[in-house]
Amino acid sequence: MEQIAIAMVVLGLLLLVFSGLWFLVTAFRESIWWGLACLFLPFVQLFFLIVHWPVAKKPFFFQLLGLALIILAAIVSPQIIHR
């Protein structure tokens, strides 16, 4: 069971990194200013998500999926966190 939880955490982290980069690429495709703002300013990604929902929803949902995998792994096997 522990190996499954570790695999879920690794998969969740990979999804978070991949979708975070995908989100940034989406912001840079809208404009260089959106991309730079999302990269360097806090809370601009949330504003970009709201304003550009049709193009930003897919990477956002993949981020949620990655986070859900990590949380589920922590619930299933909490002793991994305490190592």
PDB file of N, CA and C in Angstrom:
ATOM      1  N   MET A   1       0.817  -1.191   0.000  1.00  0.00           N
ATOM      2  CA  MET A   1       0.000   0.000   0.000  1.00  0.00           C
ATOM      3  C   MET A   1       0.865   1.261   0.000  1.00  0.00           C
ATOM      4  N   GLU A   2       2.002   1.163   0.657  1.00  0.00           N
ATOM      5  CA  GLU A   2       2.898   2.315   0.736  1.00  0.00           C
ATOM      6  C   GLU A   2       3.465   2.679  -0.635  1.00  0.00           C
ATOM      7  N   GLN A   3       3.762   1.679  -1.452  1.00  0.00           N
ATOM      8  CA  GLN A   3       4.283   1.949  -2.793  1.00  0.00           C
ATOM      9  C   GLN A   3       3.245   2.651  -3.662  1.00  0.00           C
ATOM     10  N   ILE A   4       1.984   2.306  -3.480  1.00  0.00           N
ATOM     11  CA  ILE A   4       0.918   2.951  -4.241  1.00  0.00           C
ATOM     12  C   ILE A   4       0.814   4.418  -3.837  1.00  0.00           C
ATOM     13  N   ALA A   5       0.906   4.681  -2.539  1.00  0.00           N
ATOM     14  CA  ALA A   5       0.827   6.061  -2.063  1.00  0.00           C
ATOM     15  C   ALA A   5       2.008   6.884  -2.567  1.00  0.00           C
ATOM     16  N   ILE A   6       3.190   6.296  -2.576  1.00  0.00           N
ATOM     17  CA  ILE A   6       4.363   7.004  -3.097  1.00  0.00           C
ATOM     18  C   ILE A   6       4.195   7.288  -4.583  1.00  0.00           C
ATOM     19  N   ALA A   7       3.680   6.315  -5.314  1.00  0.00           N
ATOM     20  CA  ALA A   7       3.442   6.524  -6.747  1.00  0.00           C
ATOM     21  C   ALA A   7       2.403   7.624  -6.973  1.00  0.00           C
ATOM     22  N   MET A   8       1.380   7.682  -6.111  1.00  0.00           N
ATOM     23  CA  MET A   8       0.370   8.730  -6.242  1.00  0.00           C
ATOM     24  C   MET A   8       0.962  10.105  -5.971  1.00  0.00           C
ATOM     25  N   VAL A   9       1.844  10.204  -4.983  1.00  0.00           N
ATOM     26  CA  VAL A   9       2.494  11.486  -4.682  1.00  0.00           C
ATOM     27  C   VAL A   9       3.378  11.909  -5.846  1.00  0.00           C
ATOM     28  N   VAL A  10       4.154  10.988  -6.382  1.00  0.00           N
ATOM     29  CA  VAL A  10       5.034  11.320  -7.511  1.00  0.00           C
ATOM     30  C   VAL A  10       4.208  11.740  -8.721  1.00  0.00           C
ATOM     31  N   LEU A  11       3.155  10.995  -9.013  1.00  0.00           N
ATOM     32  CA  LEU A  11       2.288  11.354 -10.137  1.00  0.00           C
ATOM     33  C   LEU A  11       1.621  12.705  -9.911  1.00  0.00           C
ATOM     34  N   GLY A  12       1.182  12.958  -8.685  1.00  0.00           N
ATOM     35  CA  GLY A  12       0.574  14.244  -8.356  1.00  0.00           C
ATOM     36  C   GLY A  12       1.543  15.399  -8.524  1.00  0.00           C
ATOM     37  N   LEU A  13       2.780  15.207  -8.087  1.00  0.00           N
ATOM     38  CA  LEU A  13       3.797  16.251  -8.251  1.00  0.00           C
ATOM     39  C   LEU A  13       4.113  16.498  -9.723  1.00  0.00           C
ATOM     40  N   LEU A  14       4.213  15.416 -10.487  1.00  0.00           N
ATOM     41  CA  LEU A  14       4.454  15.579 -11.929  1.00  0.00           C
ATOM     42  C   LEU A  14       3.304  16.330 -12.600  1.00  0.00           C
ATOM     43  N   LEU A  15       2.082  15.997 -12.217  1.00  0.00           N
ATOM     44  CA  LEU A  15       0.924  16.712 -12.764  1.00  0.00           C
ATOM     45  C   LEU A  15       0.948  18.188 -12.376  1.00  0.00           C
ATOM     46  N   LEU A  16       1.314  18.485 -11.130  1.00  0.00           N
ATOM     47  CA  LEU A  16       1.386  19.875 -10.697  1.00  0.00           C
ATOM     48  C   LEU A  16       2.432  20.660 -11.483  1.00  0.00           C
ATOM     49  N   VAL A  17       3.594  20.066 -11.681  1.00  0.00           N
ATOM     50  CA  VAL A  17       4.653  20.759 -12.429  1.00  0.00           C
ATOM     51  C   VAL A  17       4.248  20.933 -13.885  1.00  0.00           C
ATOM     52  N   PHE A  18       3.772  19.862 -14.507  1.00  0.00           N
ATOM     53  CA  PHE A  18       3.371  19.924 -15.911  1.00  0.00           C
ATOM     54  C   PHE A  18       2.260  20.942 -16.133  1.00  0.00           C
ATOM     55  N   SER A  19       1.226  20.906 -15.285  1.00  0.00           N
ATOM     56  CA  SER A  19       0.103  21.815 -15.480  1.00  0.00           C
ATOM     57  C   SER A  19       0.460  23.253 -15.110  1.00  0.00           C
ATOM     58  N   GLY A  20       1.376  23.434 -14.173  1.00  0.00           N
ATOM     59  CA  GLY A  20       1.839  24.782 -13.866  1.00  0.00           C
ATOM     60  C   GLY A  20       2.572  25.406 -15.040  1.00  0.00           C
ATOM     61  N   LEU A  21       3.419  24.613 -15.679  1.00  0.00           N
ATOM     62  CA  LEU A  21       4.101  25.098 -16.882  1.00  0.00           C
ATOM     63  C   LEU A  21       3.111  25.334 -18.016  1.00  0.00           C
ATOM     64  N   TRP A  22       2.140  24.448 -18.152  1.00  0.00           N
ATOM     65  CA  TRP A  22       1.106  24.597 -19.173  1.00  0.00           C
ATOM     66  C   TRP A  22       0.314  25.893 -18.953  1.00  0.00           C
ATOM     67  N   PHE A  23       0.012  26.189 -17.685  1.00  0.00           N
ATOM     68  CA  PHE A  23      -0.703  27.416 -17.359  1.00  0.00           C
ATOM     69  C   PHE A  23       0.123  28.642 -17.748  1.00  0.00           C
ATOM     70  N   LEU A  24       1.419  28.611 -17.450  1.00  0.00           N
ATOM     71  CA  LEU A  24       2.288  29.733 -17.820  1.00  0.00           C
ATOM     72  C   LEU A  24       2.382  29.897 -19.329  1.00  0.00           C
ATOM     73  N   VAL A  25       2.485  28.801 -20.050  1.00  0.00           N
ATOM     74  CA  VAL A  25       2.529  28.873 -21.512  1.00  0.00           C
ATOM     75  C   VAL A  25       1.232  29.482 -22.040  1.00  0.00           C
ATOM     76  N   THR A  26       0.108  29.104 -21.444  1.00  0.00           N
ATOM     77  CA  THR A  26      -1.179  29.669 -21.844  1.00  0.00           C
ATOM     78  C   THR A  26      -1.206  31.175 -21.598  1.00  0.00           C
ATOM     79  N   ALA A  27      -0.666  31.601 -20.476  1.00  0.00           N
ATOM     80  CA  ALA A  27      -0.628  33.035 -20.174  1.00  0.00           C
ATOM     81  C   ALA A  27       0.283  33.768 -21.156  1.00  0.00           C
ATOM     82  N   PHE A  28       1.439  33.196 -21.468  1.00  0.00           N
ATOM     83  CA  PHE A  28       2.350  33.833 -22.430  1.00  0.00           C
ATOM     84  C   PHE A  28       1.746  33.858 -23.835  1.00  0.00           C
ATOM     85  N   ARG A  29       0.904  32.893 -24.166  1.00  0.00           N
ATOM     86  CA  ARG A  29       0.247  32.906 -25.484  1.00  0.00           C
ATOM     87  C   ARG A  29      -0.752  34.054 -25.597  1.00  0.00           C
ATOM     88  N   GLU A  30      -1.365  34.428 -24.486  1.00  0.00           N
ATOM     89  CA  GLU A  30      -2.285  35.571 -24.510  1.00  0.00           C
ATOM     90  C   GLU A  30      -1.505  36.862 -24.747  1.00  0.00           C
ATOM     91  N   SER A  31      -0.444  37.060 -23.972  1.00  0.00           N
ATOM     92  CA  SER A  31       0.465  38.186 -24.198  1.00  0.00           C
ATOM     93  C   SER A  31       1.693  38.007 -23.316  1.00  0.00           C
ATOM     94  N   ILE A  32       2.748  38.671 -23.682  1.00  0.00           N
ATOM     95  CA  ILE A  32       3.977  38.589 -22.892  1.00  0.00           C
ATOM     96  C   ILE A  32       3.755  39.173 -21.501  1.00  0.00           C
ATOM     97  N   TRP A  33       2.887  40.189 -21.412  1.00  0.00           N
ATOM     98  CA  TRP A  33       2.627  40.837 -20.128  1.00  0.00           C
ATOM     99  C   TRP A  33       1.847  39.939 -19.185  1.00  0.00           C
ATOM    100  N   TRP A  34       0.880  39.194 -19.706  1.00  0.00           N
ATOM    101  CA  TRP A  34       0.168  38.229 -18.878  1.00  0.00           C
ATOM    102  C   TRP A  34       1.134  37.168 -18.354  1.00  0.00           C
ATOM    103  N   GLY A  35       1.995  36.687 -19.236  1.00  0.00           N
ATOM    104  CA  GLY A  35       2.937  35.654 -18.834  1.00  0.00           C
ATOM    105  C   GLY A  35       3.891  36.126 -17.753  1.00  0.00           C
ATOM    106  N   LEU A  36       4.449  37.301 -17.940  1.00  0.00           N
ATOM    107  CA  LEU A  36       5.375  37.843 -16.935  1.00  0.00           C
ATOM    108  C   LEU A  36       4.662  38.139 -15.619  1.00  0.00           C
ATOM    109  N   ALA A  37       3.444  38.669 -15.705  1.00  0.00           N
ATOM    110  CA  ALA A  37       2.689  38.957 -14.491  1.00  0.00           C
ATOM    111  C   ALA A  37       2.356  37.667 -13.735  1.00  0.00           C
ATOM    112  N   CYS A  38       1.947  36.634 -14.458  1.00  0.00           N
ATOM    113  CA  CYS A  38       1.651  35.349 -13.806  1.00  0.00           C
ATOM    114  C   CYS A  38       2.898  34.724 -13.205  1.00  0.00           C
ATOM    115  N   LEU A  39       4.024  34.996 -13.802  1.00  0.00           N
ATOM    116  CA  LEU A  39       5.278  34.413 -13.328  1.00  0.00           C
ATOM    117  C   LEU A  39       5.794  35.117 -12.070  1.00  0.00           C
ATOM    118  N   PHE A  40       5.635  36.440 -11.999  1.00  0.00           N
ATOM    119  CA  PHE A  40       6.295  37.195 -10.939  1.00  0.00           C
ATOM    120  C   PHE A  40       5.382  37.830  -9.890  1.00  0.00           C
ATOM    121  N   LEU A  41       4.115  38.029 -10.189  1.00  0.00           N
ATOM    122  CA  LEU A  41       3.234  38.727  -9.257  1.00  0.00           C
ATOM    123  C   LEU A  41       2.253  37.757  -8.608  1.00  0.00           C
ATOM    124  N   PRO A  42       2.093  37.850  -7.294  1.00  0.00           N
ATOM    125  CA  PRO A  42       1.140  36.958  -6.625  1.00  0.00           C
ATOM    126  C   PRO A  42      -0.300  37.298  -6.994  1.00  0.00           C
ATOM    127  N   PHE A  43      -1.114  36.299  -7.037  1.00  0.00           N
ATOM    128  CA  PHE A  43      -2.558  36.375  -7.290  1.00  0.00           C
ATOM    129  C   PHE A  43      -2.935  36.753  -8.724  1.00  0.00           C
ATOM    130  N   VAL A  44      -1.967  37.017  -9.594  1.00  0.00           N
ATOM    131  CA  VAL A  44      -2.304  37.327 -10.979  1.00  0.00           C
ATOM    132  C   VAL A  44      -2.776  36.071 -11.699  1.00  0.00           C
ATOM    133  N   GLN A  45      -2.253  34.916 -11.315  1.00  0.00           N
ATOM    134  CA  GLN A  45      -2.719  33.675 -11.940  1.00  0.00           C
ATOM    135  C   GLN A  45      -4.208  33.460 -11.686  1.00  0.00           C
ATOM    136  N   LEU A  46      -4.666  33.782 -10.497  1.00  0.00           N
ATOM    137  CA  LEU A  46      -6.096  33.654 -10.196  1.00  0.00           C
ATOM    138  C   LEU A  46      -6.910  34.619 -11.060  1.00  0.00           C
ATOM    139  N   PHE A  47      -6.440  35.838 -11.191  1.00  0.00           N
ATOM    140  CA  PHE A  47      -7.130  36.816 -12.032  1.00  0.00           C
ATOM    141  C   PHE A  47      -7.125  36.366 -13.497  1.00  0.00           C
ATOM    142  N   PHE A  48      -5.971  35.850 -13.954  1.00  0.00           N
ATOM    143  CA  PHE A  48      -5.893  35.342 -15.325  1.00  0.00           C
ATOM    144  C   PHE A  48      -6.867  34.183 -15.522  1.00  0.00           C
ATOM    145  N   LEU A  49      -6.976  33.313 -14.545  1.00  0.00           N
ATOM    146  CA  LEU A  49      -7.897  32.178 -14.633  1.00  0.00           C
ATOM    147  C   LEU A  49      -9.339  32.654 -14.784  1.00  0.00           C
ATOM    148  N   ILE A  50      -9.714  33.661 -14.029  1.00  0.00           N
ATOM    149  CA  ILE A  50     -11.084  34.170 -14.090  1.00  0.00           C
ATOM    150  C   ILE A  50     -11.347  34.871 -15.423  1.00  0.00           C
ATOM    151  N   VAL A  51     -10.406  35.699 -15.851  1.00  0.00           N
ATOM    152  CA  VAL A  51     -10.603  36.497 -17.070  1.00  0.00           C
ATOM    153  C   VAL A  51     -10.527  35.638 -18.332  1.00  0.00           C
ATOM    154  N   HIS A  52      -9.642  34.655 -18.334  1.00  0.00           N
ATOM    155  CA  HIS A  52      -9.415  33.817 -19.515  1.00  0.00           C
ATOM    156  C   HIS A  52      -9.809  32.366 -19.244  1.00  0.00           C
ATOM    157  N   TRP A  53     -10.982  32.176 -18.651  1.00  0.00           N
ATOM    158  CA  TRP A  53     -11.451  30.853 -18.274  1.00  0.00           C
ATOM    159  C   TRP A  53     -11.441  29.834 -19.413  1.00  0.00           C
ATOM    160  N   PRO A  54     -11.906  30.177 -20.618  1.00  0.00           N
ATOM    161  CA  PRO A  54     -11.963  29.151 -21.675  1.00  0.00           C
ATOM    162  C   PRO A  54     -10.606  28.528 -22.015  1.00  0.00           C
ATOM    163  N   VAL A  55      -9.526  29.303 -21.945  1.00  0.00           N
ATOM    164  CA  VAL A  55      -8.217  28.741 -22.296  1.00  0.00           C
ATOM    165  C   VAL A  55      -7.441  28.262 -21.073  1.00  0.00           C
ATOM    166  N   ALA A  56      -7.798  28.740 -19.884  1.00  0.00           N
ATOM    167  CA  ALA A  56      -7.025  28.408 -18.684  1.00  0.00           C
ATOM    168  C   ALA A  56      -7.647  27.288 -17.853  1.00  0.00           C
ATOM    169  N   LYS A  57      -8.842  26.831 -18.229  1.00  0.00           N
ATOM    170  CA  LYS A  57      -9.505  25.846 -17.372  1.00  0.00           C
ATOM    171  C   LYS A  57      -8.855  24.466 -17.415  1.00  0.00           C
ATOM    172  N   LYS A  58      -8.333  24.052 -18.565  1.00  0.00           N
ATOM    173  CA  LYS A  58      -7.725  22.715 -18.635  1.00  0.00           C
ATOM    174  C   LYS A  58      -6.487  22.595 -17.740  1.00  0.00           C
ATOM    175  N   PRO A  59      -5.513  23.522 -17.843  1.00  0.00           N
ATOM    176  CA  PRO A  59      -4.377  23.384 -16.920  1.00  0.00           C
ATOM    177  C   PRO A  59      -4.780  23.526 -15.459  1.00  0.00           C
ATOM    178  N   PHE A  60      -5.784  24.344 -15.182  1.00  0.00           N
ATOM    179  CA  PHE A  60      -6.258  24.498 -13.810  1.00  0.00           C
ATOM    180  C   PHE A  60      -6.821  23.183 -13.266  1.00  0.00           C
ATOM    181  N   PHE A  61      -7.633  22.499 -14.069  1.00  0.00           N
ATOM    182  CA  PHE A  61      -8.205  21.235 -13.608  1.00  0.00           C
ATOM    183  C   PHE A  61      -7.133  20.147 -13.459  1.00  0.00           C
ATOM    184  N   PHE A  62      -6.101  20.183 -14.283  1.00  0.00           N
ATOM    185  CA  PHE A  62      -5.002  19.238 -14.102  1.00  0.00           C
ATOM    186  C   PHE A  62      -4.235  19.539 -12.814  1.00  0.00           C
ATOM    187  N   GLN A  63      -4.117  20.814 -12.455  1.00  0.00           N
ATOM    188  CA  GLN A  63      -3.503  21.159 -11.178  1.00  0.00           C
ATOM    189  C   GLN A  63      -4.338  20.630 -10.017  1.00  0.00           C
ATOM    190  N   LEU A  64      -5.648  20.773 -10.130  1.00  0.00           N
ATOM    191  CA  LEU A  64      -6.524  20.230  -9.089  1.00  0.00           C
ATOM    192  C   LEU A  64      -6.396  18.710  -8.987  1.00  0.00           C
ATOM    193  N   LEU A  65      -6.277  18.043 -10.122  1.00  0.00           N
ATOM    194  CA  LEU A  65      -6.113  16.593 -10.117  1.00  0.00           C
ATOM    195  C   LEU A  65      -4.809  16.189  -9.429  1.00  0.00           C
ATOM    196  N   GLY A  66      -3.725  16.885  -9.722  1.00  0.00           N
ATOM    197  CA  GLY A  66      -2.448  16.599  -9.065  1.00  0.00           C
ATOM    198  C   GLY A  66      -2.527  16.817  -7.568  1.00  0.00           C
ATOM    199  N   LEU A  67      -3.171  17.906  -7.154  1.00  0.00           N
ATOM    200  CA  LEU A  67      -3.341  18.169  -5.732  1.00  0.00           C
ATOM    201  C   LEU A  67      -4.213  17.109  -5.069  1.00  0.00           C
ATOM    202  N   ALA A  68      -5.260  16.687  -5.755  1.00  0.00           N
ATOM    203  CA  ALA A  68      -6.135  15.647  -5.211  1.00  0.00           C
ATOM    204  C   ALA A  68      -5.390  14.324  -5.034  1.00  0.00           C
ATOM    205  N   LEU A  69      -4.511  13.989  -5.972  1.00  0.00           N
ATOM    206  CA  LEU A  69      -3.725  12.757  -5.832  1.00  0.00           C
ATOM    207  C   LEU A  69      -2.813  12.814  -4.608  1.00  0.00           C
ATOM    208  N   ILE A  70      -2.195  13.947  -4.383  1.00  0.00           N
ATOM    209  CA  ILE A  70      -1.309  14.083  -3.227  1.00  0.00           C
ATOM    210  C   ILE A  70      -2.103  14.000  -1.925  1.00  0.00           C
ATOM    211  N   ILE A  71      -3.239  14.671  -1.879  1.00  0.00           N
ATOM    212  CA  ILE A  71      -4.072  14.627  -0.674  1.00  0.00           C
ATOM    213  C   ILE A  71      -4.597  13.219  -0.434  1.00  0.00           C
ATOM    214  N   LEU A  72      -5.029  12.547  -1.492  1.00  0.00           N
ATOM    215  CA  LEU A  72      -5.519  11.180  -1.357  1.00  0.00           C
ATOM    216  C   LEU A  72      -4.417  10.242  -0.863  1.00  0.00           C
ATOM    217  N   ALA A  73      -3.203  10.424  -1.365  1.00  0.00           N
ATOM    218  CA  ALA A  73      -2.082   9.599  -0.894  1.00  0.00           C
ATOM    219  C   ALA A  73      -1.799   9.861   0.576  1.00  0.00           C
ATOM    220  N   ALA A  74      -1.916  11.107   1.014  1.00  0.00           N
ATOM    221  CA  ALA A  74      -1.698  11.428   2.425  1.00  0.00           C
ATOM    222  C   ALA A  74      -2.781  10.823   3.305  1.00  0.00           C
ATOM    223  N   ILE A  75      -3.994  10.746   2.804  1.00  0.00           N
ATOM    224  CA  ILE A  75      -5.088  10.147   3.579  1.00  0.00           C
ATOM    225  C   ILE A  75      -4.929   8.631   3.650  1.00  0.00           C
ATOM    226  N   VAL A  76      -4.569   8.036   2.525  1.00  0.00           N
ATOM    227  CA  VAL A  76      -4.444   6.574   2.459  1.00  0.00           C
ATOM    228  C   VAL A  76      -3.251   6.087   3.281  1.00  0.00           C
ATOM    229  N   SER A  77      -2.155   6.787   3.231  1.00  0.00           N
ATOM    230  CA  SER A  77      -0.945   6.342   3.912  1.00  0.00           C
ATOM    231  C   SER A  77      -0.285   7.508   4.628  1.00  0.00           C
ATOM    232  N   PRO A  78      -0.800   7.901   5.797  1.00  0.00           N
ATOM    233  CA  PRO A  78      -0.258   9.073   6.478  1.00  0.00           C
ATOM    234  C   PRO A  78       1.154   8.899   7.045  1.00  0.00           C
ATOM    235  N   GLN A  79       1.630   7.664   7.186  1.00  0.00           N
ATOM    236  CA  GLN A  79       2.963   7.472   7.746  1.00  0.00           C
ATOM    237  C   GLN A  79       4.053   7.925   6.778  1.00  0.00           C
ATOM    238  N   ILE A  80       3.767   8.078   5.505  1.00  0.00           N
ATOM    239  CA  ILE A  80       4.773   8.561   4.543  1.00  0.00           C
ATOM    240  C   ILE A  80       5.189   9.974   4.871  1.00  0.00           C
ATOM    241  N   ILE A  81       4.259  10.783   5.335  1.00  0.00           N
ATOM    242  CA  ILE A  81       4.542  12.188   5.625  1.00  0.00           C
ATOM    243  C   ILE A  81       5.465  12.313   6.815  1.00  0.00           C
ATOM    244  N   HIS A  82       5.385  11.393   7.756  1.00  0.00           N
ATOM    245  CA  HIS A  82       6.153  11.496   8.990  1.00  0.00           C
ATOM    246  C   HIS A  82       7.550  10.916   8.896  1.00  0.00           C
ATOM    247  N   ARG A  83       7.982  10.519   7.718  1.00  0.00           N
ATOM    248  CA  ARG A  83       9.333   9.971   7.562  1.00  0.00           C
ATOM    249  C   ARG A  83      10.335  11.050   7.390  1.00  0.00           C
TER     250      ARG A  83
END
